């Protein structure tokens, strides 16, 4: 947006549109497809648990540390 800092250069935005260009095909407007990031088709995050308190988190870390010390 005009007047905002430019995302690519050390200047104010002049609405040139260069930051909206696709990295793989400069004639295409970026549509956030992610192909330039070279990600797998599907990515995943595994969640082992959710800690409802700081104490629960600290107990978990302590148990992991004990497991390492035992091995």
N, C-alpha and C. Protein backbone atom coordinates (compact mmCIF):
# COMPACT_ATOMS: atom_id res chain seq x y z
N UNK A 1 0.84 -1.17 0.00
CA UNK A 1 0.00 0.00 0.00
C UNK A 1 0.89 1.24 0.00
N UNK A 2 0.56 2.18 -0.81
CA UNK A 2 1.37 3.37 -0.98
C UNK A 2 1.62 4.06 0.36
N UNK A 3 2.88 4.45 0.58
CA UNK A 3 3.27 5.11 1.82
C UNK A 3 3.79 4.14 2.88
N UNK A 4 3.44 2.85 2.78
CA UNK A 4 3.93 1.83 3.71
C UNK A 4 5.36 1.47 3.30
N UNK A 5 6.12 0.83 4.20
CA UNK A 5 7.47 0.39 3.81
C UNK A 5 7.39 -0.67 2.71
N UNK A 6 8.28 -0.59 1.75
CA UNK A 6 8.36 -1.55 0.66
C UNK A 6 8.86 -2.88 1.22
N UNK A 7 8.30 -3.99 0.74
CA UNK A 7 8.69 -5.31 1.20
C UNK A 7 9.99 -5.79 0.57
N UNK A 8 10.39 -5.20 -0.56
CA UNK A 8 11.58 -5.68 -1.27
C UNK A 8 12.76 -4.72 -1.22
N UNK A 9 12.47 -3.44 -1.15
CA UNK A 9 13.54 -2.45 -1.23
C UNK A 9 13.47 -1.49 -0.06
N UNK A 10 14.57 -0.80 0.18
CA UNK A 10 14.66 0.16 1.27
C UNK A 10 14.06 1.49 0.81
N UNK A 11 12.73 1.55 0.79
CA UNK A 11 12.01 2.74 0.37
C UNK A 11 10.55 2.58 0.76
N UNK A 12 9.77 3.62 0.50
CA UNK A 12 8.34 3.52 0.70
C UNK A 12 7.71 2.79 -0.49
N UNK A 13 6.58 2.16 -0.26
CA UNK A 13 5.87 1.47 -1.32
C UNK A 13 5.42 2.48 -2.38
N UNK A 14 5.66 2.11 -3.64
CA UNK A 14 5.21 2.95 -4.75
C UNK A 14 4.17 2.19 -5.59
N UNK A 15 3.66 1.08 -5.00
CA UNK A 15 2.64 0.25 -5.65
C UNK A 15 3.07 -0.23 -7.04
N UNK A 16 4.33 -0.68 -7.13
CA UNK A 16 4.83 -1.19 -8.41
C UNK A 16 4.32 -2.59 -8.70
N UNK A 17 3.92 -3.33 -7.66
CA UNK A 17 3.40 -4.67 -7.83
C UNK A 17 4.45 -5.76 -7.88
N UNK A 18 5.72 -5.40 -7.80
CA UNK A 18 6.79 -6.39 -7.89
C UNK A 18 6.71 -7.43 -6.78
N UNK A 19 6.27 -7.03 -5.61
CA UNK A 19 6.18 -7.97 -4.50
C UNK A 19 5.03 -8.96 -4.67
N UNK A 20 4.12 -8.70 -5.60
CA UNK A 20 3.01 -9.61 -5.87
C UNK A 20 3.32 -10.61 -6.97
N UNK A 21 4.49 -10.51 -7.59
CA UNK A 21 4.85 -11.40 -8.70
C UNK A 21 5.25 -12.77 -8.16
N UNK A 22 4.89 -13.81 -8.90
CA UNK A 22 5.27 -15.18 -8.57
C UNK A 22 6.79 -15.33 -8.74
N UNK A 23 7.45 -16.01 -7.79
CA UNK A 23 8.89 -16.23 -7.88
C UNK A 23 9.26 -17.19 -9.01
N UNK A 24 8.36 -18.11 -9.35
CA UNK A 24 8.65 -19.09 -10.38
C UNK A 24 8.24 -18.63 -11.77
N UNK A 25 7.23 -17.77 -11.85
CA UNK A 25 6.75 -17.25 -13.13
C UNK A 25 6.43 -15.76 -12.95
N UNK A 26 7.38 -14.87 -13.27
CA UNK A 26 7.19 -13.44 -13.04
C UNK A 26 5.99 -12.83 -13.78
N UNK A 27 5.45 -13.56 -14.76
CA UNK A 27 4.28 -13.06 -15.47
C UNK A 27 2.98 -13.37 -14.73
N UNK A 28 3.08 -14.12 -13.64
CA UNK A 28 1.92 -14.54 -12.86
C UNK A 28 1.89 -13.80 -11.54
N UNK A 29 0.71 -13.44 -11.08
CA UNK A 29 0.56 -12.84 -9.75
C UNK A 29 0.57 -13.98 -8.72
N UNK A 30 1.27 -13.78 -7.64
CA UNK A 30 1.36 -14.80 -6.60
C UNK A 30 -0.04 -15.14 -6.09
N UNK A 31 -0.32 -16.44 -6.04
CA UNK A 31 -1.60 -16.89 -5.49
C UNK A 31 -1.40 -17.77 -4.25
N UNK A 32 -0.22 -17.67 -3.66
CA UNK A 32 0.14 -18.40 -2.44
C UNK A 32 0.04 -19.90 -2.59
N UNK A 33 0.39 -20.41 -3.77
CA UNK A 33 0.31 -21.86 -4.02
C UNK A 33 1.37 -22.62 -3.23
N UNK A 34 2.49 -21.97 -2.90
CA UNK A 34 3.54 -22.60 -2.11
C UNK A 34 4.55 -23.40 -2.91
N UNK A 35 4.41 -23.47 -4.22
CA UNK A 35 5.34 -24.27 -5.04
C UNK A 35 6.78 -23.76 -4.91
N UNK A 36 6.95 -22.48 -4.71
CA UNK A 36 8.30 -21.92 -4.57
C UNK A 36 8.95 -22.33 -3.25
N UNK A 37 8.15 -22.82 -2.31
CA UNK A 37 8.68 -23.25 -1.02
C UNK A 37 9.15 -24.70 -1.05
N UNK A 38 8.85 -25.41 -2.14
CA UNK A 38 9.27 -26.80 -2.33
C UNK A 38 8.82 -27.69 -1.17
N UNK A 39 7.56 -27.52 -0.78
CA UNK A 39 6.98 -28.34 0.28
C UNK A 39 6.36 -29.58 -0.34
N UNK A 40 6.23 -30.62 0.47
CA UNK A 40 5.51 -31.79 0.02
C UNK A 40 4.06 -31.38 -0.21
N UNK A 41 3.33 -32.22 -0.92
CA UNK A 41 1.93 -31.90 -1.20
C UNK A 41 1.15 -31.69 0.10
N UNK A 42 1.42 -32.53 1.08
CA UNK A 42 0.75 -32.39 2.37
C UNK A 42 1.82 -32.37 3.45
N UNK A 43 1.71 -31.44 4.35
CA UNK A 43 2.60 -31.38 5.50
C UNK A 43 1.77 -31.71 6.73
N UNK A 44 2.43 -32.16 7.77
CA UNK A 44 1.69 -32.49 8.97
C UNK A 44 2.50 -32.12 10.20
N UNK A 45 1.79 -31.90 11.27
CA UNK A 45 2.37 -31.64 12.57
C UNK A 45 1.78 -32.66 13.52
N UNK A 46 2.62 -33.36 14.23
CA UNK A 46 2.15 -34.32 15.21
C UNK A 46 2.12 -33.64 16.57
N UNK A 47 1.01 -33.77 17.27
CA UNK A 47 0.86 -33.19 18.61
C UNK A 47 0.81 -34.33 19.60
N UNK A 48 1.77 -34.37 20.51
CA UNK A 48 1.82 -35.42 21.52
C UNK A 48 0.93 -35.11 22.71
N UNK A 49 0.71 -33.84 22.95
CA UNK A 49 -0.12 -33.48 24.09
C UNK A 49 -0.28 -31.98 24.21
N UNK A 50 -1.20 -31.62 25.07
CA UNK A 50 -1.45 -30.20 25.35
C UNK A 50 -1.29 -30.00 26.84
N UNK A 51 -0.50 -29.05 27.22
CA UNK A 51 -0.24 -28.78 28.62
C UNK A 51 -1.13 -27.63 29.08
N UNK A 52 -1.89 -27.90 30.12
CA UNK A 52 -2.86 -26.91 30.59
C UNK A 52 -2.28 -25.97 31.63
N UNK A 53 -1.06 -26.25 32.07
CA UNK A 53 -0.43 -25.37 33.06
C UNK A 53 1.08 -25.40 32.91
N UNK A 54 1.72 -24.41 33.45
CA UNK A 54 3.18 -24.32 33.44
C UNK A 54 3.78 -25.49 34.23
N UNK A 55 3.12 -25.87 35.32
CA UNK A 55 3.60 -26.97 36.15
C UNK A 55 3.59 -28.29 35.37
N UNK A 56 2.52 -28.53 34.60
CA UNK A 56 2.44 -29.75 33.81
C UNK A 56 3.57 -29.80 32.78
N UNK A 57 3.88 -28.66 32.18
CA UNK A 57 4.97 -28.58 31.21
C UNK A 57 6.31 -28.88 31.88
N UNK A 58 6.52 -28.31 33.06
CA UNK A 58 7.76 -28.53 33.78
C UNK A 58 7.91 -30.00 34.21
N UNK A 59 6.80 -30.63 34.63
CA UNK A 59 6.84 -32.05 34.97
C UNK A 59 7.19 -32.91 33.76
N UNK A 60 6.64 -32.57 32.62
CA UNK A 60 6.95 -33.28 31.39
C UNK A 60 8.44 -33.17 31.06
N UNK A 61 8.98 -31.95 31.14
CA UNK A 61 10.40 -31.76 30.85
C UNK A 61 11.27 -32.53 31.83
N UNK A 62 10.89 -32.55 33.10
CA UNK A 62 11.65 -33.28 34.11
C UNK A 62 11.62 -34.77 33.81
N UNK A 63 10.46 -35.29 33.41
CA UNK A 63 10.37 -36.73 33.11
C UNK A 63 11.23 -37.09 31.90
N UNK A 64 11.27 -36.21 30.90
CA UNK A 64 12.12 -36.44 29.72
C UNK A 64 13.59 -36.43 30.12
N UNK A 65 13.96 -35.51 31.00
CA UNK A 65 15.35 -35.43 31.46
C UNK A 65 15.72 -36.71 32.23
N UNK A 66 14.78 -37.20 33.05
CA UNK A 66 15.03 -38.45 33.80
C UNK A 66 15.19 -39.62 32.84
N UNK A 67 14.40 -39.69 31.79
CA UNK A 67 14.51 -40.76 30.80
C UNK A 67 15.89 -40.77 30.17
N UNK A 68 16.42 -39.59 29.85
CA UNK A 68 17.74 -39.50 29.25
C UNK A 68 18.82 -39.94 30.22
N UNK A 69 18.67 -39.59 31.50
CA UNK A 69 19.66 -39.95 32.51
C UNK A 69 19.66 -41.46 32.78
N UNK A 70 18.51 -42.11 32.64
CA UNK A 70 18.40 -43.54 32.90
C UNK A 70 19.07 -44.34 31.78
N UNK A 71 18.97 -43.87 30.56
CA UNK A 71 19.52 -44.60 29.41
C UNK A 71 20.99 -44.55 29.35
